[in-house]
C-alpha atoms as a PDB file:
ATOM      1  CA  MET A   1       3.049  -1.013  64.606  1.00  0.00           C
ATOM      2  CA  THR A   2       5.594  -3.061  63.265  1.00  0.00           C
ATOM      3  CA  PRO A   3       9.320  -2.661  64.450  1.00  0.00           C
ATOM      4  CA  SER A   4      11.325  -0.225  62.561  1.00  0.00           C
ATOM      5  CA  GLY A   5      14.153  -1.509  60.512  1.00  0.00           C
ATOM      6  CA  SER A   6      15.854  -4.873  61.295  1.00  0.00           C
ATOM      7  CA  SER A   7      17.038  -6.774  64.488  1.00  0.00           C
ATOM      8  CA  LEU A   8      19.324  -4.035  66.250  1.00  0.00           C
ATOM      9  CA  ALA A   9      21.508  -6.947  67.394  1.00  0.00           C
ATOM     10  CA  GLU A  10      21.538  -8.263  63.873  1.00  0.00           C
ATOM     11  CA  ALA A  11      22.482  -5.013  62.379  1.00  0.00           C
ATOM     12  CA  LEU A  12      25.462  -4.746  64.551  1.00  0.00           C
ATOM     13  CA  ARG A  13      26.335  -8.303  64.288  1.00  0.00           C
ATOM     14  CA  LEU A  14      26.528  -8.195  60.281  1.00  0.00           C
ATOM     15  CA  HIS A  15      28.830  -4.953  60.542  1.00  0.00           C
ATOM     16  CA  ARG A  16      31.468  -6.847  62.409  1.00  0.00           C
ATOM     17  CA  PRO A  17      33.569  -7.988  59.234  1.00  0.00           C
ATOM     18  CA  GLU A  18      33.634  -4.130  58.451  1.00  0.00           C
ATOM     19  CA  GLY A  19      34.741  -3.164  61.774  1.00  0.00           C
ATOM     20  CA  ASN A  20      32.859  -1.417  64.768  1.00  0.00           C
ATOM     21  CA  ALA A  21      29.171  -0.398  64.358  1.00  0.00           C
ATOM     22  CA  VAL A  22      27.653   2.975  65.670  1.00  0.00           C
ATOM     23  CA  ILE A  23      24.683   3.643  67.385  1.00  0.00           C
ATOM     24  CA  ALA A  24      24.219   7.474  66.838  1.00  0.00           C
ATOM     25  CA  GLU A  25      21.753   8.969  69.478  1.00  0.00           C
ATOM     26  CA  VAL A  26      19.020  11.925  69.030  1.00  0.00           C
ATOM     27  CA  LYS A  27      19.799  13.644  72.313  1.00  0.00           C
ATOM     28  CA  ARG A  28      18.511  17.288  73.022  1.00  0.00           C
ATOM     29  CA  LYS A  29      19.479  17.226  76.701  1.00  0.00           C
ATOM     30  CA  SER A  30      21.961  15.714  79.494  1.00  0.00           C
ATOM     31  CA  PRO A  31      21.218  15.446  83.224  1.00  0.00           C
ATOM     32  CA  SER A  32      24.720  16.337  83.920  1.00  0.00           C
ATOM     33  CA  LYS A  33      25.347  19.038  81.041  1.00  0.00           C
ATOM     34  CA  GLY A  34      21.743  20.533  80.380  1.00  0.00           C
ATOM     35  CA  TRP A  35      20.791  21.650  76.693  1.00  0.00           C
ATOM     36  CA  LEU A  36      23.213  20.082  74.052  1.00  0.00           C
ATOM     37  CA  ASN A  37      21.051  20.646  71.098  1.00  0.00           C
ATOM     38  CA  GLU A  38      17.733  22.241  72.120  1.00  0.00           C
ATOM     39  CA  HIS A  39      16.178  22.876  68.672  1.00  0.00           C
ATOM     40  CA  LEU A  40      17.576  19.639  66.889  1.00  0.00           C
ATOM     41  CA  ASP A  41      15.548  18.366  64.002  1.00  0.00           C
ATOM     42  CA  PRO A  42      15.265  14.627  64.763  1.00  0.00           C
ATOM     43  CA  ALA A  43      14.159  13.435  61.213  1.00  0.00           C
ATOM     44  CA  GLN A  44      17.241  15.354  59.728  1.00  0.00           C
ATOM     45  CA  LEU A  45      19.671  14.634  62.211  1.00  0.00           C
ATOM     46  CA  ALA A  46      18.983  10.814  61.806  1.00  0.00           C
ATOM     47  CA  VAL A  47      19.330  11.041  58.193  1.00  0.00           C
ATOM     48  CA  SER A  48      22.900  12.682  58.403  1.00  0.00           C
ATOM     49  CA  TYR A  49      23.851  10.107  60.848  1.00  0.00           C
ATOM     50  CA  VAL A  50      22.695   7.055  58.693  1.00  0.00           C
ATOM     51  CA  ALA A  51      24.522   8.976  55.542  1.00  0.00           C
ATOM     52  CA  GLY A  52      27.628   8.796  57.966  1.00  0.00           C
ATOM     53  CA  GLY A  53      27.458   5.193  58.277  1.00  0.00           C
ATOM     54  CA  ALA A  54      25.323   4.755  61.545  1.00  0.00           C
ATOM     55  CA  SER A  55      23.943   1.243  61.671  1.00  0.00           C
ATOM     56  CA  ALA A  56      21.112   1.992  64.134  1.00  0.00           C
ATOM     57  CA  ILE A  57      19.638   5.031  65.944  1.00  0.00           C
ATOM     58  CA  SER A  58      18.853   5.717  69.564  1.00  0.00           C
ATOM     59  CA  VAL A  59      16.114   8.175  70.392  1.00  0.00           C
ATOM     60  CA  LEU A  60      15.832   9.460  73.790  1.00  0.00           C
ATOM     61  CA  THR A  61      11.773   9.546  74.797  1.00  0.00           C
ATOM     62  CA  ASP A  62      12.483  10.432  78.240  1.00  0.00           C
ATOM     63  CA  VAL A  63      10.962  13.985  79.131  1.00  0.00           C
ATOM     64  CA  PRO A  64      12.155  15.158  82.523  1.00  0.00           C
ATOM     65  CA  HIS A  65      15.791  14.182  82.099  1.00  0.00           C
ATOM     66  CA  PHE A  66      16.481  14.414  78.590  1.00  0.00           C
ATOM     67  CA  ALA A  67      13.485  16.401  76.849  1.00  0.00           C
ATOM     68  CA  GLY A  68      13.092  13.756  74.930  1.00  0.00           C
ATOM     69  CA  SER A  69       9.490  12.523  73.144  1.00  0.00           C
ATOM     70  CA  GLU A  70       7.537   9.766  71.598  1.00  0.00           C
ATOM     71  CA  ALA A  71       7.235  12.270  68.752  1.00  0.00           C
ATOM     72  CA  ASP A  72      10.697  12.487  68.110  1.00  0.00           C
ATOM     73  CA  LEU A  73      11.410   8.574  67.839  1.00  0.00           C
ATOM     74  CA  GLN A  74       8.321   8.415  65.415  1.00  0.00           C
ATOM     75  CA  LEU A  75       9.850  11.422  63.152  1.00  0.00           C
ATOM     76  CA  VAL A  76      12.928   9.289  63.152  1.00  0.00           C
ATOM     77  CA  ARG A  77      11.213   6.246  62.121  1.00  0.00           C
ATOM     78  CA  ALA A  78       9.376   7.810  59.333  1.00  0.00           C
ATOM     79  CA  ALA A  79      12.895   8.977  58.066  1.00  0.00           C
ATOM     80  CA  VAL A  80      14.971   6.077  58.080  1.00  0.00           C
ATOM     81  CA  GLU A  81      15.109   2.476  57.879  1.00  0.00           C
ATOM     82  CA  VAL A  82      17.806   1.119  60.184  1.00  0.00           C
ATOM     83  CA  PRO A  83      16.975  -0.172  63.702  1.00  0.00           C
ATOM     84  CA  ILE A  84      15.600   2.374  66.214  1.00  0.00           C
ATOM     85  CA  LEU A  85      16.376   1.875  70.085  1.00  0.00           C
ATOM     86  CA  ARG A  86      14.188   3.472  72.342  1.00  0.00           C
ATOM     87  CA  LYS A  87      16.296   4.911  75.063  1.00  0.00           C
ATOM     88  CA  ASP A  88      14.237   5.341  78.187  1.00  0.00           C
ATOM     89  CA  PHE A  89      13.739   4.176  81.724  1.00  0.00           C
ATOM     90  CA  THR A  90      11.946   0.965  81.410  1.00  0.00           C
ATOM     91  CA  VAL A  91      10.327   0.114  84.781  1.00  0.00           C
ATOM     92  CA  SER A  92       7.348  -2.111  83.742  1.00  0.00           C
ATOM     93  CA  VAL A  93       5.942  -4.372  81.088  1.00  0.00           C
ATOM     94  CA  ASN A  94       3.361  -1.653  79.805  1.00  0.00           C
ATOM     95  CA  ASP A  95       6.984   0.427  79.063  1.00  0.00           C
ATOM     96  CA  VAL A  96       8.043  -2.788  76.799  1.00  0.00           C
ATOM     97  CA  LEU A  97       4.814  -2.809  75.134  1.00  0.00           C
ATOM     98  CA  ASP A  98       4.617   1.201  74.474  1.00  0.00           C
ATOM     99  CA  THR A  99       8.220   0.585  72.878  1.00  0.00           C
ATOM    100  CA  VAL A 100       6.630  -2.051  70.402  1.00  0.00           C
ATOM    101  CA  GLU A 101       3.882   0.103  69.660  1.00  0.00           C
ATOM    102  CA  MET A 102       5.934   3.094  68.968  1.00  0.00           C
ATOM    103  CA  GLY A 103       7.330   0.910  66.176  1.00  0.00           C
ATOM    104  CA  ALA A 104      10.957   0.858  67.870  1.00  0.00           C
ATOM    105  CA  SER A 105      13.268  -2.141  67.239  1.00  0.00           C
ATOM    106  CA  ALA A 106      14.488  -2.260  70.582  1.00  0.00           C
ATOM    107  CA  VAL A 107      14.153  -1.465  74.387  1.00  0.00           C
ATOM    108  CA  LEU A 108      16.555  -0.449  76.555  1.00  0.00           C
ATOM    109  CA  LEU A 109      16.566  -2.714  80.044  1.00  0.00           C
ATOM    110  CA  ILE A 110      19.026  -1.214  82.663  1.00  0.00           C
ATOM    111  CA  VAL A 111      20.064  -3.848  85.377  1.00  0.00           C
ATOM    112  CA  ALA A 112      20.867  -1.535  87.925  1.00  0.00           C
ATOM    113  CA  ALA A 113      17.229  -0.223  87.961  1.00  0.00           C
ATOM    114  CA  LEU A 114      15.645  -3.695  87.849  1.00  0.00           C
ATOM    115  CA  THR A 115      15.166  -6.741  90.123  1.00  0.00           C
ATOM    116  CA  LEU A 116      16.250  -9.878  88.427  1.00  0.00           C
ATOM    117  CA  ASP A 117      12.534 -11.090  87.818  1.00  0.00           C
ATOM    118  CA  GLU A 118      11.427  -7.653  86.453  1.00  0.00           C
ATOM    119  CA  LEU A 119      14.751  -7.832  84.173  1.00  0.00           C
ATOM    120  CA  ARG A 120      13.842 -11.499  82.922  1.00  0.00           C
ATOM    121  CA  GLU A 121      10.131 -10.773  82.651  1.00  0.00           C
ATOM    122  CA  PHE A 122      10.979  -7.437  80.651  1.00  0.00           C
ATOM    123  CA  HIS A 123      13.517  -9.456  78.560  1.00  0.00           C
ATOM    124  CA  ASP A 124      10.986 -12.198  77.578  1.00  0.00           C
ATOM    125  CA  VAL A 125       8.201  -9.887  76.818  1.00  0.00           C
ATOM    126  CA  ALA A 126      10.572  -7.662  74.466  1.00  0.00           C
ATOM    127  CA  ILE A 127      11.463 -10.927  72.677  1.00  0.00           C
ATOM    128  CA  SER A 128       8.251 -12.341  72.294  1.00  0.00           C
ATOM    129  CA  CYS A 129       6.893  -9.305  70.827  1.00  0.00           C
ATOM    130  CA  GLY A 130       9.661  -9.433  68.096  1.00  0.00           C
ATOM    131  CA  ILE A 131      12.229  -6.581  69.207  1.00  0.00           C
ATOM    132  CA  ASP A 132      15.635  -6.813  70.814  1.00  0.00           C
ATOM    133  CA  ALA A 133      16.318  -5.615  74.429  1.00  0.00           C
ATOM    134  CA  LEU A 134      19.684  -3.880  74.918  1.00  0.00           C
ATOM    135  CA  VAL A 135      20.429  -4.891  78.558  1.00  0.00           C
ATOM    136  CA  GLU A 136      22.944  -2.171  80.137  1.00  0.00           C
ATOM    137  CA  VAL A 137      25.513  -3.191  82.720  1.00  0.00           C
ATOM    138  CA  HIS A 138      27.853  -1.113  84.574  1.00  0.00           C
ATOM    139  CA  ASP A 139      30.224  -3.970  85.698  1.00  0.00           C
ATOM    140  CA  VAL A 140      31.220  -7.844  85.780  1.00  0.00           C
ATOM    141  CA  ALA A 141      28.289  -8.606  88.600  1.00  0.00           C
ATOM    142  CA  GLU A 142      25.641  -6.868  86.516  1.00  0.00           C
ATOM    143  CA  ALA A 143      26.781  -8.484  83.452  1.00  0.00           C
ATOM    144  CA  GLU A 144      26.521 -12.085  85.167  1.00  0.00           C
ATOM    145  CA  ARG A 145      22.962 -10.950  85.860  1.00  0.00           C
ATOM    146  CA  ALA A 146      22.235 -10.029  82.358  1.00  0.00           C
ATOM    147  CA  LEU A 147      23.791 -13.289  80.911  1.00  0.00           C
ATOM    148  CA  SER A 148      21.647 -15.452  83.737  1.00  0.00           C
ATOM    149  CA  ILE A 149      18.595 -14.295  81.945  1.00  0.00           C
ATOM    150  CA  GLY A 150      19.526 -15.121  78.077  1.00  0.00           C
ATOM    151  CA  ALA A 151      20.658 -11.492  77.247  1.00  0.00           C
ATOM    152  CA  THR A 152      22.563 -11.762  73.913  1.00  0.00           C
ATOM    153  CA  LEU A 153      22.661  -8.118  73.302  1.00  0.00           C
ATOM    154  CA  ILE A 154      24.312  -6.210  76.051  1.00  0.00           C
ATOM    155  CA  GLY A 155      25.661  -2.521  76.591  1.00  0.00           C
ATOM    156  CA  VAL A 156      28.406  -1.639  78.821  1.00  0.00           C
ATOM    157  CA  ASN A 157      27.883   1.972  80.216  1.00  0.00           C
ATOM    158  CA  GLN A 158      31.416   3.632  80.696  1.00  0.00           C
ATOM    159  CA  ARG A 159      29.875   6.619  82.906  1.00  0.00           C
ATOM    160  CA  ASP A 160      29.223   6.170  86.345  1.00  0.00           C
ATOM    161  CA  LEU A 161      25.873   6.749  87.074  1.00  0.00           C
ATOM    162  CA  HIS A 162      26.535   8.795  90.379  1.00  0.00           C
ATOM    163  CA  SER A 163      29.789  10.200  89.724  1.00  0.00           C
ATOM    164  CA  PHE A 164      29.332  10.729  85.797  1.00  0.00           C
ATOM    165  CA  ALA A 165      32.947   9.876  85.583  1.00  0.00           C
ATOM    166  CA  VAL A 166      34.191   7.775  82.594  1.00  0.00           C
ATOM    167  CA  ASP A 167      36.099   4.708  83.294  1.00  0.00           C
ATOM    168  CA  ALA A 168      37.373   2.767  79.995  1.00  0.00           C
ATOM    169  CA  GLU A 169      39.140   0.454  81.628  1.00  0.00           C
ATOM    170  CA  ARG A 170      36.223  -0.868  83.668  1.00  0.00           C
ATOM    171  CA  ALA A 171      34.319  -1.184  80.578  1.00  0.00           C
ATOM    172  CA  GLU A 172      36.875  -3.322  78.983  1.00  0.00           C
ATOM    173  CA  LYS A 173      37.049  -5.754  82.022  1.00  0.00           C
ATOM    174  CA  VAL A 174      33.393  -6.497  81.492  1.00  0.00           C
ATOM    175  CA  ALA A 175      34.068  -6.893  77.810  1.00  0.00           C
ATOM    176  CA  SER A 176      36.516  -9.174  78.431  1.00  0.00           C
ATOM    177  CA  PHE A 177      33.970 -11.314  80.724  1.00  0.00           C
ATOM    178  CA  LEU A 178      31.213 -11.431  77.784  1.00  0.00           C
ATOM    179  CA  PRO A 179      31.059 -14.551  75.694  1.00  0.00           C
ATOM    180  CA  GLU A 180      31.794 -13.934  71.741  1.00  0.00           C
ATOM    181  CA  HIS A 181      28.306 -14.965  70.889  1.00  0.00           C
ATOM    182  CA  VAL A 182      27.137 -11.674  72.769  1.00  0.00           C
ATOM    183  CA  VAL A 183      26.745  -8.590  70.810  1.00  0.00           C
ATOM    184  CA  ALA A 184      28.563  -5.982  73.074  1.00  0.00           C
ATOM    185  CA  VAL A 185      27.950  -2.331  72.870  1.00  0.00           C
ATOM    186  CA  ALA A 186      30.211   0.154  74.576  1.00  0.00           C
ATOM    187  CA  GLU A 187      28.150   3.202  75.773  1.00  0.00           C
ATOM    188  CA  SER A 188      28.850   6.632  76.945  1.00  0.00           C
ATOM    189  CA  GLY A 189      31.991   9.139  76.942  1.00  0.00           C
ATOM    190  CA  PHE A 190      32.943   9.010  73.484  1.00  0.00           C
ATOM    191  CA  SER A 191      34.458  12.105  72.325  1.00  0.00           C
ATOM    192  CA  SER A 192      37.267  10.904  70.028  1.00  0.00           C
ATOM    193  CA  SER A 193      37.784   8.240  67.270  1.00  0.00           C
ATOM    194  CA  ASP A 194      41.065   7.350  69.477  1.00  0.00           C
ATOM    195  CA  ALA A 195      38.435   6.032  72.414  1.00  0.00           C
ATOM    196  CA  VAL A 196      36.376   4.480  69.642  1.00  0.00           C
ATOM    197  CA  ARG A 197      39.306   2.474  68.249  1.00  0.00           C
ATOM    198  CA  ARG A 198      40.456   1.296  71.886  1.00  0.00           C
ATOM    199  CA  ALA A 199      36.790   0.115  72.386  1.00  0.00           C
ATOM    200  CA  ALA A 200      36.543  -1.802  69.301  1.00  0.00           C
ATOM    201  CA  GLY A 201      40.130  -3.105  69.998  1.00  0.00           C
ATOM    202  CA  SER A 202      38.738  -4.715  73.431  1.00  0.00           C
ATOM    203  CA  GLY A 203      36.032  -6.848  71.686  1.00  0.00           C
ATOM    204  CA  PHE A 204      33.361  -4.192  71.524  1.00  0.00           C
ATOM    205  CA  ASP A 205      31.009  -4.801  68.365  1.00  0.00           C
ATOM    206  CA  ALA A 206      29.534  -1.176  68.544  1.00  0.00           C
ATOM    207  CA  VAL A 207      29.559   1.887  70.248  1.00  0.00           C
ATOM    208  CA  LEU A 208      26.555   4.296  71.353  1.00  0.00           C
ATOM    209  CA  VAL A 209      27.307   7.884  70.783  1.00  0.00           C
ATOM    210  CA  GLY A 210      24.993  10.887  71.593  1.00  0.00           C
ATOM    211  CA  GLU A 211      26.501  14.050  72.969  1.00  0.00           C
ATOM    212  CA  ASN A 212      29.442  14.401  70.584  1.00  0.00           C
ATOM    213  CA  PHE A 213      27.286  13.813  67.591  1.00  0.00           C
ATOM    214  CA  VAL A 214      24.430  16.108  68.533  1.00  0.00           C
ATOM    215  CA  VAL A 215      26.982  19.063  69.149  1.00  0.00           C
ATOM    216  CA  ALA A 216      29.030  18.405  65.937  1.00  0.00           C
ATOM    217  CA  SER A 217      29.299  21.150  63.381  1.00  0.00           C
ATOM    218  CA  ASP A 218      28.982  18.224  60.624  1.00  0.00           C
ATOM    219  CA  PRO A 219      27.001  14.994  62.282  1.00  0.00           C
ATOM    220  CA  GLN A 220      27.653  12.737  59.280  1.00  0.00           C
ATOM    221  CA  ASP A 221      31.315  13.313  59.206  1.00  0.00           C
ATOM    222  CA  GLU A 222      31.728  12.707  63.001  1.00  0.00           C
ATOM    223  CA  VAL A 223      29.791   9.376  62.704  1.00  0.00           C
ATOM    224  CA  ALA A 224      31.862   8.653  59.839  1.00  0.00           C
ATOM    225  CA  SER A 225      35.164   9.037  61.664  1.00  0.00           C
ATOM    226  CA  PHE A 226      33.874   6.774  64.664  1.00  0.00           C
ATOM    227  CA  VAL A 227      32.853   3.819  62.273  1.00  0.00           C
ATOM    228  CA  GLY A 228      34.998   0.739  61.260  1.00  0.00           C
ATOM    229  CA  PHE A 229      37.625   0.022  63.494  1.00  0.00           C
ATOM    230  CA  PRO A 230      38.989  -3.660  63.793  1.00  0.00           C
ATOM    231  CA  ILE A 231      37.361  -5.503  66.560  1.00  0.00           C
ATOM    232  CA  GLY A 232      39.608  -7.356  68.635  1.00  0.00           C
ATOM    233  CA  GLU A 233      38.961 -10.509  70.722  1.00  0.00           C
ATOM    234  CA  ARG A 234      37.713 -10.540  73.993  1.00  0.00           C
ATOM    235  CA  SER A 235      40.247 -11.785  76.443  1.00  0.00           C
END
């Protein structure tokens, strides 16, 4: 099965002249908050996201923590043509290959969950298979590891994995460390357009948003309100 849509990194990079891009997430459940939208229609939601200006869709396929599934990803893949990120815990080469088989455009690699050798191997396998790897970091030390293996698509998670607290200032410090050639994505904790404007101003090319969109009464309008803020220089 061929990857869905174009390259995720390229789609975000091409959006730069129009301001920040949005990766909108299909997310039924959160480990910290429980059910968000138990009965959502993945295809319908994805279509609304794209109509609102989303450049890509993220789909949770993790079952225990997020009540996601491979079926959700395939429904989204059939409904829209934008790139699709498989959002799951990648812990083996087989997980990367499964992502390719599902037809996703990108796999998630979390630096905190992998050794440097695993990170390098999984990243190389993804690229050789024709998909992107969104390498997720939480601080500058993890960003250094991501850059050391050649990552050019880096997500900065604003949420602490242990306390679940959101720290935009820490994310901005990481953004200032990333070279301009890297496509930078701010992840987690976006509940207002002002927060997105701040992230874009600090040099993030895109934001990845789930909870705020899946609980919105009008997801299309909510996505539209998060798109297109001027992207500042990283300093």
